[in-house]
Amino acid sequence: MGVANGTRVEKLPPNINQYTDSDLNLLADDHIAREMSQKVRVLIWVMTSPSSLKIKAQAIKETWGKRCNIIIYFSSKTDPTFPTVGIDVPEGRDHLTGKTMAAFRYIYENHFHEADWFMKADDDTYVIVENLRYFLSKKDKTEPIFFGHLFKVNVQQGYYSGGSGYVVSKEALHRFGTKAVNSSICRGDGGDEDVEFGLCMERLGVKTSLSLDEMGRSLFHSMHPQIHLLGNYPAWHYRYTKGIVQKGFGVSRYAVSFHYVPPDDMRTLDYYLYHIRPYGIHSTVRTCNETQSPNHL
């Protein structure tokens, strides 16, 4: 500590920008999150493409991707330097279903025993991985179930927004891997990716859920955080969403995901969540694991 113009000032350590996120977080008490990462093993796979790999996927790699137990980036081309897993499906919106089915098949065949839960995300999805594990910590991976932002159209039990991300249990992935390959149960390609995967899960007996916290607040979000804060939703969002459309404080404080997050917004959100803290205020962890059946609302 030194003196400048008669005022005592703090002496900052030199080259503060040389420190990594991990170095700075040594001052935070994150033992609960670290313990949860061992108890609730989550594999997240990201749908990306060669054109957006070094822009969108790179932002994930620098931010929330570092907190996954396992993260895999799927593209139409293998890139060992990133790395990505290349799957033999053309790029383009018409082939998103094919990419999703191929990615889950690859994960079942190569990583089934390495995780308890398996999540799909887009390369503009931001995931708060600690909150995802917290939500899943009281769920049963042996049940045929999956979670996400539930839409009520096109599929009898509803389906999840692909952009908000959806997470399947180990049993759900087992059913997919053993029953959906080379069969008519799940569409191989074409159609709307999230709808087709929802139909696939329904035919396999995998159940949907509203996926809310114990106060009925939303966890998975299909749009940018600002839209969910202010409630500036397009009309279709109300027509599609199952249950009450939440905004502002209706968004859970343990929110899991947001969609349509550009790379710089992803870095900014990560900075606000993991770096800035209000001094003297400590969050108290509350139970956030009750999931309501879609039939209850």
Protein backbone atom coordinates (compact mmCIF):
# COMPACT_ATOMS: atom_id res chain seq x y z
CA MET A 1 0.00 0.00 0.00
CA GLY A 2 1.39 3.41 -0.92
CA VAL A 3 0.59 7.11 -0.50
CA ALA A 4 -0.30 9.46 -3.38
CA ASN A 5 -1.09 13.14 -2.72
CA GLY A 6 -1.69 12.31 0.91
CA THR A 7 -4.18 9.53 0.08
CA ARG A 8 -3.47 5.89 0.75
CA VAL A 9 -3.95 3.74 -2.34
CA GLU A 10 -3.86 0.02 -2.98
CA LYS A 11 -0.80 -1.30 -4.80
CA LEU A 12 -2.03 -3.56 -7.57
CA PRO A 13 -0.06 -6.66 -8.53
CA PRO A 14 1.91 -6.14 -11.76
CA ASN A 15 0.52 -7.33 -15.10
CA ILE A 16 -2.95 -8.17 -13.77
CA ASN A 17 -4.04 -9.18 -17.28
CA GLN A 18 -1.61 -12.08 -17.27
CA TYR A 19 -3.78 -13.97 -14.79
CA THR A 20 -6.19 -16.60 -16.07
CA ASP A 21 -9.82 -17.05 -15.13
CA SER A 22 -8.76 -19.97 -12.92
CA ASP A 23 -6.16 -17.86 -11.12
CA LEU A 24 -8.67 -15.15 -10.28
CA ASN A 25 -11.27 -17.69 -9.17
CA LEU A 26 -8.89 -19.08 -6.56
CA LEU A 27 -10.31 -16.34 -4.33
CA ALA A 28 -13.83 -17.73 -4.76
CA ASP A 29 -15.23 -20.58 -2.71
CA ASP A 30 -16.30 -22.93 -5.49
CA HIS A 31 -15.98 -26.25 -3.65
CA ILE A 32 -19.71 -27.01 -4.03
CA ALA A 33 -19.53 -26.54 -7.80
CA ARG A 34 -16.36 -28.65 -8.00
CA GLU A 35 -17.96 -31.46 -5.98
CA MET A 36 -21.08 -31.32 -8.15
CA SER A 37 -18.97 -31.64 -11.29
CA GLN A 38 -17.84 -35.06 -10.08
CA LYS A 39 -21.28 -36.22 -8.94
CA VAL A 40 -23.26 -35.04 -11.97
CA ARG A 41 -21.26 -35.82 -15.09
CA VAL A 42 -22.49 -33.86 -18.09
CA LEU A 43 -21.45 -34.22 -21.71
CA ILE A 44 -22.45 -31.31 -23.92
CA TRP A 45 -22.15 -31.44 -27.69
CA VAL A 46 -22.23 -28.32 -29.82
CA MET A 47 -23.60 -28.15 -33.35
CA THR A 48 -21.28 -25.96 -35.39
CA SER A 49 -19.93 -25.59 -38.93
CA PRO A 50 -16.60 -24.82 -40.63
CA SER A 51 -17.70 -21.23 -41.36
CA SER A 52 -18.56 -20.42 -37.74
CA LEU A 53 -16.02 -22.59 -35.96
CA LYS A 54 -13.40 -19.88 -35.33
CA ILE A 55 -16.04 -17.29 -34.42
CA LYS A 56 -19.02 -18.77 -32.57
CA ALA A 57 -17.58 -22.07 -31.36
CA GLN A 58 -14.38 -20.29 -30.35
CA ALA A 59 -16.38 -18.06 -28.00
CA ILE A 60 -17.86 -21.17 -26.34
CA LYS A 61 -14.39 -22.67 -26.04
CA GLU A 62 -13.20 -19.53 -24.22
CA THR A 63 -16.20 -19.30 -21.89
CA TRP A 64 -18.69 -21.93 -20.69
CA GLY A 65 -17.13 -24.81 -22.62
CA LYS A 66 -14.27 -24.89 -20.11
CA ARG A 67 -16.67 -25.95 -17.36
CA CYS A 68 -18.07 -29.10 -18.98
CA ASN A 69 -16.97 -32.57 -17.98
CA ILE A 70 -16.84 -33.34 -21.71
CA ILE A 71 -17.59 -31.04 -24.63
CA ILE A 72 -17.62 -32.17 -28.26
CA TYR A 73 -17.96 -29.92 -31.30
CA PHE A 74 -19.65 -31.52 -34.32
CA SER A 75 -19.20 -30.16 -37.82
CA SER A 76 -19.33 -31.46 -41.38
CA LYS A 77 -15.52 -31.48 -41.39
CA THR A 78 -13.04 -32.93 -38.93
CA ASP A 79 -10.64 -30.29 -37.61
CA PRO A 80 -8.04 -31.86 -35.30
CA THR A 81 -6.63 -28.47 -34.31
CA PHE A 82 -9.85 -27.14 -32.72
CA PRO A 83 -10.85 -30.04 -32.42
CA THR A 84 -14.12 -30.98 -34.11
CA VAL A 85 -15.70 -34.31 -34.96
CA GLY A 86 -16.70 -34.41 -38.61
CA ILE A 87 -19.93 -36.18 -39.47
CA ASP A 88 -20.97 -37.12 -42.99
CA VAL A 89 -23.96 -34.79 -43.22
CA PRO A 90 -24.10 -31.68 -45.46
CA GLU A 91 -24.31 -28.20 -43.92
CA GLY A 92 -27.53 -26.20 -44.11
CA ARG A 93 -30.81 -25.87 -42.24
CA ASP A 94 -32.35 -28.78 -44.16
CA HIS A 95 -29.79 -31.14 -42.64
CA LEU A 96 -29.86 -30.15 -38.96
CA THR A 97 -31.90 -33.23 -38.14
CA GLY A 98 -29.29 -35.45 -39.76
CA LYS A 99 -26.49 -33.76 -37.81
CA THR A 100 -28.37 -34.17 -34.54
CA MET A 101 -29.17 -37.84 -35.08
CA ALA A 102 -25.60 -38.58 -36.17
CA ALA A 103 -24.13 -36.71 -33.21
CA PHE A 104 -26.23 -38.55 -30.62
CA ARG A 105 -25.40 -41.84 -32.34
CA TYR A 106 -21.68 -41.03 -32.19
CA ILE A 107 -21.93 -40.12 -28.51
CA TYR A 108 -23.80 -43.32 -27.69
CA GLU A 109 -21.21 -45.42 -29.48
CA ASN A 110 -18.13 -43.62 -28.12
CA HIS A 111 -18.94 -41.81 -24.85
CA PHE A 112 -21.98 -43.48 -23.29
CA HIS A 113 -20.15 -44.59 -20.12
CA GLU A 114 -18.35 -41.28 -19.59
CA ALA A 115 -21.33 -39.17 -18.51
CA ASP A 116 -24.74 -39.35 -16.85
CA TRP A 117 -26.51 -36.68 -18.90
CA PHE A 118 -26.06 -35.61 -22.52
CA MET A 119 -26.95 -32.14 -23.78
CA LYS A 120 -27.26 -30.72 -27.29
CA ALA A 121 -26.50 -27.00 -27.80
CA ASP A 122 -26.10 -24.70 -30.79
CA ASP A 123 -22.97 -22.62 -31.26
CA ASP A 124 -24.92 -19.52 -30.20
CA THR A 125 -26.24 -21.14 -27.00
CA TYR A 126 -24.81 -19.99 -23.67
CA VAL A 127 -24.97 -22.62 -20.92
CA ILE A 128 -24.39 -22.00 -17.20
CA VAL A 129 -22.96 -25.45 -16.59
CA GLU A 130 -23.00 -25.27 -12.79
CA ASN A 131 -26.74 -24.53 -12.84
CA LEU A 132 -27.33 -27.38 -15.27
CA ARG A 133 -25.64 -29.81 -12.88
CA TYR A 134 -27.57 -28.35 -9.95
CA PHE A 135 -30.89 -28.84 -11.74
CA LEU A 136 -29.98 -32.41 -12.67
CA SER A 137 -28.57 -33.33 -9.27
CA LYS A 138 -31.92 -34.65 -7.98
CA LYS A 139 -33.04 -36.13 -11.27
CA ASP A 140 -32.76 -39.84 -12.02
CA LYS A 141 -30.54 -40.65 -14.98
CA THR A 142 -32.13 -44.11 -15.19
CA GLU A 143 -35.53 -42.62 -16.05
CA PRO A 144 -36.48 -42.11 -19.72
CA ILE A 145 -36.72 -38.32 -19.56
CA PHE A 146 -35.27 -35.19 -21.09
CA PHE A 147 -35.41 -31.46 -20.32
CA GLY A 148 -35.43 -28.08 -22.05
CA HIS A 149 -37.70 -25.17 -23.05
CA LEU A 150 -40.97 -26.91 -23.85
CA PHE A 151 -43.04 -26.06 -26.93
CA LYS A 152 -46.59 -27.45 -27.10
CA VAL A 153 -47.15 -27.81 -30.86
CA ASN A 154 -46.33 -30.50 -33.45
CA VAL A 155 -45.61 -33.27 -30.93
CA GLN A 156 -48.30 -34.64 -28.61
CA GLN A 157 -46.20 -34.40 -25.44
CA GLY A 158 -44.38 -31.32 -26.71
CA TYR A 159 -40.80 -30.86 -27.84
CA TYR A 160 -37.87 -28.71 -26.80
CA SER A 161 -36.41 -25.66 -28.50
CA GLY A 162 -33.19 -26.76 -30.15
CA GLY A 163 -31.53 -23.41 -29.51
CA SER A 164 -32.14 -23.38 -25.76
CA GLY A 165 -30.51 -26.79 -25.65
CA TYR A 166 -32.03 -30.03 -24.42
CA VAL A 167 -30.51 -32.63 -22.14
CA VAL A 168 -31.32 -36.35 -22.25
CA SER A 169 -30.88 -38.89 -19.48
CA LYS A 170 -28.60 -41.89 -19.76
CA GLU A 171 -31.64 -44.13 -20.20
CA ALA A 172 -33.01 -41.88 -22.95
CA LEU A 173 -29.71 -42.08 -24.83
CA HIS A 174 -29.62 -45.84 -24.31
CA ARG A 175 -33.06 -46.18 -25.91
CA PHE A 176 -31.96 -43.99 -28.79
CA GLY A 177 -28.74 -45.93 -29.31
CA THR A 178 -30.32 -49.37 -29.18
CA LYS A 179 -33.68 -48.83 -30.86
CA ALA A 180 -33.50 -45.83 -33.18
CA VAL A 181 -30.62 -46.87 -35.44
CA ASN A 182 -31.61 -48.18 -38.89
CA SER A 183 -35.30 -48.03 -38.01
CA SER A 184 -38.32 -45.92 -38.83
CA ILE A 185 -38.64 -44.69 -35.24
CA CYS A 186 -36.51 -41.61 -35.78
CA ARG A 187 -36.18 -39.63 -38.97
CA GLY A 188 -32.72 -39.72 -40.48
CA ASP A 189 -32.74 -36.18 -41.90
CA GLY A 190 -35.05 -33.38 -43.04
CA GLY A 191 -37.83 -31.58 -41.23
CA ASP A 192 -37.26 -29.30 -38.23
CA GLU A 193 -34.46 -30.69 -36.09
CA ASP A 194 -35.99 -30.04 -32.67
CA VAL A 195 -39.44 -31.27 -33.75
CA GLU A 196 -38.02 -34.44 -35.26
CA PHE A 197 -35.93 -35.20 -32.20
CA GLY A 198 -39.02 -34.60 -30.05
CA LEU A 199 -41.00 -37.08 -32.14
CA CYS A 200 -38.12 -39.54 -31.87
CA MET A 201 -38.08 -39.32 -28.08
CA GLU A 202 -41.87 -39.64 -27.86
CA ARG A 203 -41.81 -42.84 -29.93
CA LEU A 204 -39.08 -44.21 -27.66
CA GLY A 205 -41.18 -43.51 -24.55
CA VAL A 206 -38.93 -40.68 -23.33
CA LYS A 207 -41.01 -38.10 -21.45
CA THR A 208 -40.92 -34.30 -21.58
CA SER A 209 -41.19 -31.92 -18.64
CA LEU A 210 -41.81 -28.22 -18.11
CA SER A 211 -38.29 -28.12 -16.64
CA LEU A 212 -38.91 -25.33 -14.12
CA ASP A 213 -37.37 -24.62 -10.74
CA GLU A 214 -39.34 -25.15 -7.54
CA MET A 215 -40.89 -21.68 -7.80
CA GLY A 216 -42.11 -22.28 -11.35
CA ARG A 217 -39.43 -20.07 -12.88
CA SER A 218 -37.91 -20.81 -16.29
CA LEU A 219 -34.53 -22.51 -16.64
CA PHE A 220 -33.98 -23.09 -20.37
CA HIS A 221 -34.42 -20.08 -22.64
CA SER A 222 -34.86 -19.97 -26.40
CA MET A 223 -33.83 -16.32 -26.85
CA HIS A 224 -31.24 -13.72 -25.87
CA PRO A 225 -31.06 -12.88 -22.11
CA GLN A 226 -32.22 -9.30 -22.73
CA ILE A 227 -35.42 -10.49 -24.37
CA HIS A 228 -36.18 -12.78 -21.44
CA LEU A 229 -35.45 -9.94 -19.02
CA LEU A 230 -37.70 -7.38 -20.72
CA GLY A 231 -40.30 -9.77 -22.13
CA ASN A 232 -40.13 -8.45 -25.69
CA TYR A 233 -41.22 -11.76 -27.17
CA PRO A 234 -42.56 -12.29 -30.68
CA ALA A 235 -46.16 -13.45 -30.87
CA TRP A 236 -45.21 -16.99 -31.89
CA HIS A 237 -43.32 -17.48 -28.62
CA TYR A 238 -46.59 -17.24 -26.67
CA ARG A 239 -48.37 -19.59 -29.07
CA TYR A 240 -45.63 -22.20 -28.86
CA THR A 241 -44.52 -22.15 -25.23
CA LYS A 242 -46.12 -24.65 -22.85
CA GLY A 243 -47.19 -23.06 -19.57
CA ILE A 244 -46.67 -19.44 -18.52
CA VAL A 245 -44.20 -17.36 -20.53
CA GLN A 246 -41.82 -15.93 -17.95
CA LYS A 247 -39.84 -12.69 -17.99
CA GLY A 248 -37.68 -10.67 -15.61
CA PHE A 249 -37.73 -12.23 -12.16
CA GLY A 250 -39.76 -15.09 -13.62
CA VAL A 251 -36.42 -16.29 -14.96
CA SER A 252 -34.80 -18.57 -12.39
CA ARG A 253 -31.74 -17.25 -10.61
CA TYR A 254 -30.30 -20.66 -11.44
CA ALA A 255 -31.06 -20.31 -15.16
CA VAL A 256 -29.41 -22.96 -17.33
CA SER A 257 -29.28 -21.62 -20.88
CA PHE A 258 -29.97 -18.80 -23.34
CA HIS A 259 -30.05 -18.77 -27.15
CA TYR A 260 -29.09 -16.33 -29.90
CA VAL A 261 -26.09 -15.10 -27.92
CA PRO A 262 -23.44 -13.59 -30.26
CA PRO A 263 -19.76 -14.29 -29.51
CA ASP A 264 -19.00 -10.94 -27.85
CA ASP A 265 -22.22 -11.11 -25.82
CA MET A 266 -21.13 -14.60 -24.74
CA ARG A 267 -17.82 -13.24 -23.47
CA THR A 268 -19.58 -10.32 -21.77
CA LEU A 269 -22.13 -12.55 -20.06
CA ASP A 270 -19.36 -14.84 -18.90
CA TYR A 271 -17.50 -11.85 -17.45
CA TYR A 272 -20.53 -10.63 -15.53
CA LEU A 273 -21.40 -14.08 -14.20
CA TYR A 274 -17.96 -15.23 -13.12
CA HIS A 275 -15.91 -12.10 -12.45
CA ILE A 276 -18.01 -9.25 -11.05
CA ARG A 277 -19.35 -9.67 -7.51
CA PRO A 278 -21.23 -7.30 -5.16
CA TYR A 279 -19.06 -7.13 -2.07
CA GLY A 280 -20.64 -8.45 1.14
CA ILE A 281 -23.52 -10.26 -0.55
CA HIS A 282 -23.39 -14.04 -0.65
CA SER A 283 -25.92 -16.21 -2.45
CA THR A 284 -27.69 -18.94 -0.50
CA VAL A 285 -28.28 -22.15 -2.41
CA ARG A 286 -31.89 -23.23 -2.28
CA THR A 287 -33.52 -26.39 -3.54
CA CYS A 288 -34.18 -26.00 -7.24
CA ASN A 289 -34.89 -29.52 -8.37
CA GLU A 290 -38.64 -29.96 -8.49
CA THR A 291 -39.85 -30.51 -12.04
CA GLN A 292 -43.52 -30.08 -12.81
CA SER A 293 -45.33 -32.31 -15.25
CA PRO A 294 -46.64 -30.51 -18.35
CA ASN A 295 -50.08 -31.77 -17.37
CA HIS A 296 -50.04 -29.71 -14.19
CA LEU A 297 -50.38 -26.40 -16.03
